[in-house]
Protein backbone atom coordinates (compact mmCIF):
# COMPACT_ATOMS: atom_id res chain seq x y z
CA MET A 1 -99.84 37.02 42.07
CA PRO A 2 -96.69 34.83 42.06
CA VAL A 3 -96.49 32.00 39.77
CA THR A 4 -96.15 28.62 41.40
CA LYS A 5 -96.08 24.94 40.19
CA ASN A 6 -99.43 23.25 39.94
CA ARG A 7 -99.69 20.57 42.54
CA GLU A 8 -103.37 20.86 43.40
CA PRO A 9 -105.41 17.53 43.42
CA SER A 10 -107.04 16.85 40.13
CA GLU A 11 -108.92 13.92 38.41
CA ASP A 12 -106.64 11.00 37.60
CA LEU A 13 -107.46 10.35 33.94
CA SER A 14 -105.05 7.25 33.84
CA GLY A 15 -107.18 4.86 36.08
CA GLY A 16 -103.86 3.73 37.52
CA PRO A 17 -102.77 3.64 41.07
CA GLY A 18 -101.24 6.84 42.64
CA GLY A 19 -97.69 7.72 41.71
CA GLN A 20 -98.17 6.80 37.98
CA ALA A 21 -98.37 9.54 35.44
CA GLU A 22 -101.80 10.90 34.63
CA ALA A 23 -102.72 10.24 30.95
CA VAL A 24 -104.72 12.62 28.77
CA ILE A 25 -103.48 10.87 25.70
CA SER A 26 -105.76 10.78 22.69
CA PRO A 27 -104.66 8.58 19.69
CA SER A 28 -107.35 10.11 17.52
CA SER A 29 -106.97 13.39 15.71
CA ALA A 30 -109.43 14.89 18.06
CA GLY A 31 -107.66 15.40 21.29
CA PRO A 32 -104.13 16.23 22.51
CA ARG A 33 -101.41 13.68 23.11
CA LEU A 34 -100.45 14.60 26.58
CA LEU A 35 -98.80 12.86 29.63
CA LEU A 36 -98.69 14.56 32.99
CA GLN A 37 -97.05 13.62 36.28
CA PRO A 38 -99.32 12.78 39.12
CA ASP A 39 -100.31 15.87 41.10
CA HIS A 40 -98.77 14.71 44.40
CA ALA A 41 -95.25 14.06 42.71
CA ALA A 42 -92.19 15.97 43.98
CA PRO A 43 -91.45 19.20 42.45
CA ALA A 44 -89.56 18.62 38.97
CA PRO A 45 -88.42 20.84 36.14
CA LEU A 46 -91.28 19.37 33.94
CA ASP A 47 -94.79 18.34 34.55
CA GLY A 48 -95.21 16.18 31.63
CA GLY A 49 -94.83 16.03 27.84
CA TRP A 50 -97.10 17.09 24.86
CA TRP A 51 -96.82 15.69 21.30
CA PRO A 52 -98.65 17.98 18.79
CA ARG A 53 -99.59 16.56 15.47
CA SER A 54 -98.36 19.64 13.47
CA ALA A 55 -96.26 22.87 13.98
CA ASP A 56 -99.42 25.05 13.65
CA PRO A 57 -100.17 26.74 16.97
CA ALA A 58 -103.55 27.86 16.00
CA ALA A 59 -104.55 24.13 15.21
CA GLU A 60 -102.66 22.51 18.03
CA LEU A 61 -102.91 24.69 21.19
CA PRO A 62 -106.71 24.96 21.62
CA GLY A 63 -107.01 21.28 22.41
CA LEU A 64 -104.04 21.32 24.96
CA ILE A 65 -105.48 24.46 26.57
CA LEU A 66 -108.91 22.71 26.97
CA ALA A 67 -107.20 19.45 28.29
CA LEU A 68 -105.23 21.47 30.85
CA ASP A 69 -108.30 23.51 31.86
CA LYS A 70 -110.04 20.24 32.73
CA LEU A 71 -107.09 19.14 34.93
CA HIS A 72 -106.02 22.48 36.66
CA GLY A 73 -108.21 25.23 36.00
CA ARG A 74 -108.48 27.99 33.45
CA VAL A 75 -105.43 28.66 31.35
CA THR A 76 -104.77 32.32 30.84
CA ARG A 77 -101.35 32.45 29.00
CA VAL A 78 -99.18 30.06 27.22
CA MET A 79 -95.41 30.81 26.74
CA LEU A 80 -93.54 29.09 24.05
CA GLY A 81 -90.22 29.19 22.37
CA THR A 82 -90.14 30.25 18.71
CA ALA A 83 -88.22 27.21 17.46
CA GLY A 84 -90.34 24.32 16.11
CA TRP A 85 -93.46 26.25 15.35
CA ASN A 86 -94.55 27.72 11.91
CA ALA A 87 -94.08 31.46 11.52
CA SER A 88 -97.75 32.41 12.22
CA ARG A 89 -97.00 32.73 16.05
CA PRO A 90 -100.38 34.43 16.88
CA ARG A 91 -100.39 36.61 20.15
CA GLN A 92 -103.91 35.45 21.06
CA LEU A 93 -105.92 32.37 20.62
CA ARG A 94 -109.57 31.59 21.11
CA ALA A 95 -110.14 28.49 23.34
CA GLY A 96 -113.53 27.15 24.14
CA GLY A 97 -116.64 29.14 24.07
CA ALA A 98 -118.10 32.49 25.00
CA GLY A 99 -115.28 34.61 23.32
CA ARG A 100 -112.53 33.31 25.53
CA VAL A 101 -109.05 34.38 24.58
CA VAL A 102 -105.85 32.92 25.71
CA ARG A 103 -102.67 35.15 25.44
CA LEU A 104 -99.73 33.53 23.69
CA GLY A 105 -96.13 34.71 24.37
CA TRP A 106 -93.25 33.69 21.99
CA PHE A 107 -89.68 33.88 23.30
CA ALA A 108 -86.53 33.10 21.24
CA THR A 109 -84.65 32.75 24.41
CA MET A 110 -87.01 30.02 25.99
CA PRO A 111 -85.36 26.65 26.26
CA ALA A 112 -85.98 24.34 23.23
CA GLY A 113 -89.16 22.26 23.52
CA LEU A 114 -90.45 24.04 26.76
CA LEU A 115 -94.10 25.20 26.75
CA THR A 116 -95.37 26.89 29.98
CA ALA A 117 -99.09 27.26 30.69
CA ILE A 118 -100.12 29.85 33.36
CA PHE A 119 -103.47 29.33 35.15
CA ALA A 120 -105.86 31.99 36.62
CA SER A 121 -104.90 30.87 39.85
CA GLY A 122 -101.26 31.90 39.25
CA GLN A 123 -99.96 28.22 39.03
CA ARG A 124 -98.12 26.93 36.06
CA THR A 125 -97.53 23.73 34.22
CA ASP A 126 -94.31 23.10 32.36
CA LEU A 127 -94.29 20.74 29.44
CA VAL A 128 -91.65 19.41 27.04
CA THR A 129 -93.13 19.75 23.44
CA ILE A 130 -92.05 16.76 21.34
CA PRO A 131 -91.65 17.57 17.62
CA PRO A 132 -94.47 16.45 15.53
CA ASP A 133 -92.43 14.29 13.26
CA THR A 134 -91.13 12.19 16.08
CA SER A 135 -91.73 8.46 15.87
CA GLU A 136 -94.34 7.11 18.14
CA PRO A 137 -92.00 5.00 20.34
CA ASP A 138 -89.60 7.94 20.74
CA ALA A 139 -92.42 10.45 21.50
CA ALA A 140 -93.81 7.97 24.08
CA ARG A 141 -90.52 7.35 25.77
CA ALA A 142 -89.98 11.22 25.85
CA MET A 143 -93.31 12.07 27.31
CA GLY A 144 -92.85 9.21 29.80
CA GLN A 145 -89.63 10.48 31.02
CA ALA A 146 -90.99 14.04 31.54
CA ALA A 147 -93.93 12.74 33.46
CA GLN A 148 -91.93 10.41 35.48
CA PRO A 149 -92.02 11.35 39.24
CA GLY A 150 -88.59 12.43 40.34
CA ASN A 151 -87.40 13.38 36.68
CA ARG A 152 -84.71 15.84 36.89
CA GLU A 153 -84.23 16.27 33.05
CA ARG A 154 -85.16 19.54 31.32
CA ALA A 155 -86.80 19.94 27.94
CA PRO A 156 -83.60 20.31 25.93
CA ALA A 157 -82.03 17.18 27.36
CA ILE A 158 -85.12 15.04 26.71
CA LEU A 159 -85.35 16.42 23.18
CA ALA A 160 -81.62 15.71 22.60
CA ALA A 161 -82.12 12.06 23.72
CA ILE A 162 -84.73 11.63 20.92
CA ALA A 163 -83.13 13.63 18.10
CA PRO A 164 -81.83 11.57 15.31
CA ALA A 165 -78.04 10.87 15.20
CA PRO A 166 -76.28 13.27 12.72
CA ALA A 167 -75.48 11.72 9.40
CA ARG A 168 -71.80 10.72 8.82
CA SER A 169 -70.10 11.71 5.74
């Protein structure tokens, strides 16, 4: 089955008018900090941004997977770059109940900060993953840019814009 970008209608969790990003942002430690484009936005390299609280995939990915499930259907696979995550890099992850397992693929060649979720329907969602130690204003700005309808920037460019300037000697 071919993989296509997810543009199916979904519940708008932002409560805002059409054309604004869909928010699934949770300031508490319970849910994911996630901002997505509206479903009817024009195709773009990214569908939104996600700001995990740590570099531990086993702790962070289940909440993201469940949030994406609610919006777009069942996630079956998540592909991530190896950079920015701790060395555990599990190949499978339990998410939800009933023994559900989501496959994880780790790729050294994947662009920095890109996470791709593949759904049972064959559709996909591409997210920029903001490093956990990013300041709140920088993370919000980066996620907002990724979720902006018409955004043409890719994950590495968005991350480069929030990276601290190199120290001068």
